[in-house]
Amino acid sequence: MVSYFVSYRGASPDGEAFLRHYHERHAGILKDFPGLRGLVLHTPVAWRDPFPVNPGGRILLAQMQFESVAALDVALASEARARAREDFRSFPSFDGTVTHQAMAATVLA
């Protein structure tokens, strides 16, 4: 299994509008990616750690799952990906960095 992560580190002046757009519009486009096995949207929650840690600072982490790197490559060259890139232009204002990374999973438990 291969996951493709899109990380939004930073903030939006209207975080609720940003997340609403992603959930209600952008995710629908992502669901059209060929070969998509799963789509998980991770959003921050309040938490406490008794040890000093560096919090991630993300407003959203999108995880798309594919059977293989070859399947991911097909999805990234698809018409749905082009629509997703076009939709990115209509996102509510976001101040931060967006990164993309593909990673292989090793399930240990």
Foldseek 3Di string as FASTA:
>chain_A
DKKKKKWAAADAPDLVQLVCCCVPPLVVLVVPQPQWPDKDKDADDDDDDPDDDDDDRTRIMIITDGPDVVSVVSSCPDPSVVVSVVVVVVGHDTPGDIDIDMDDDDDDD
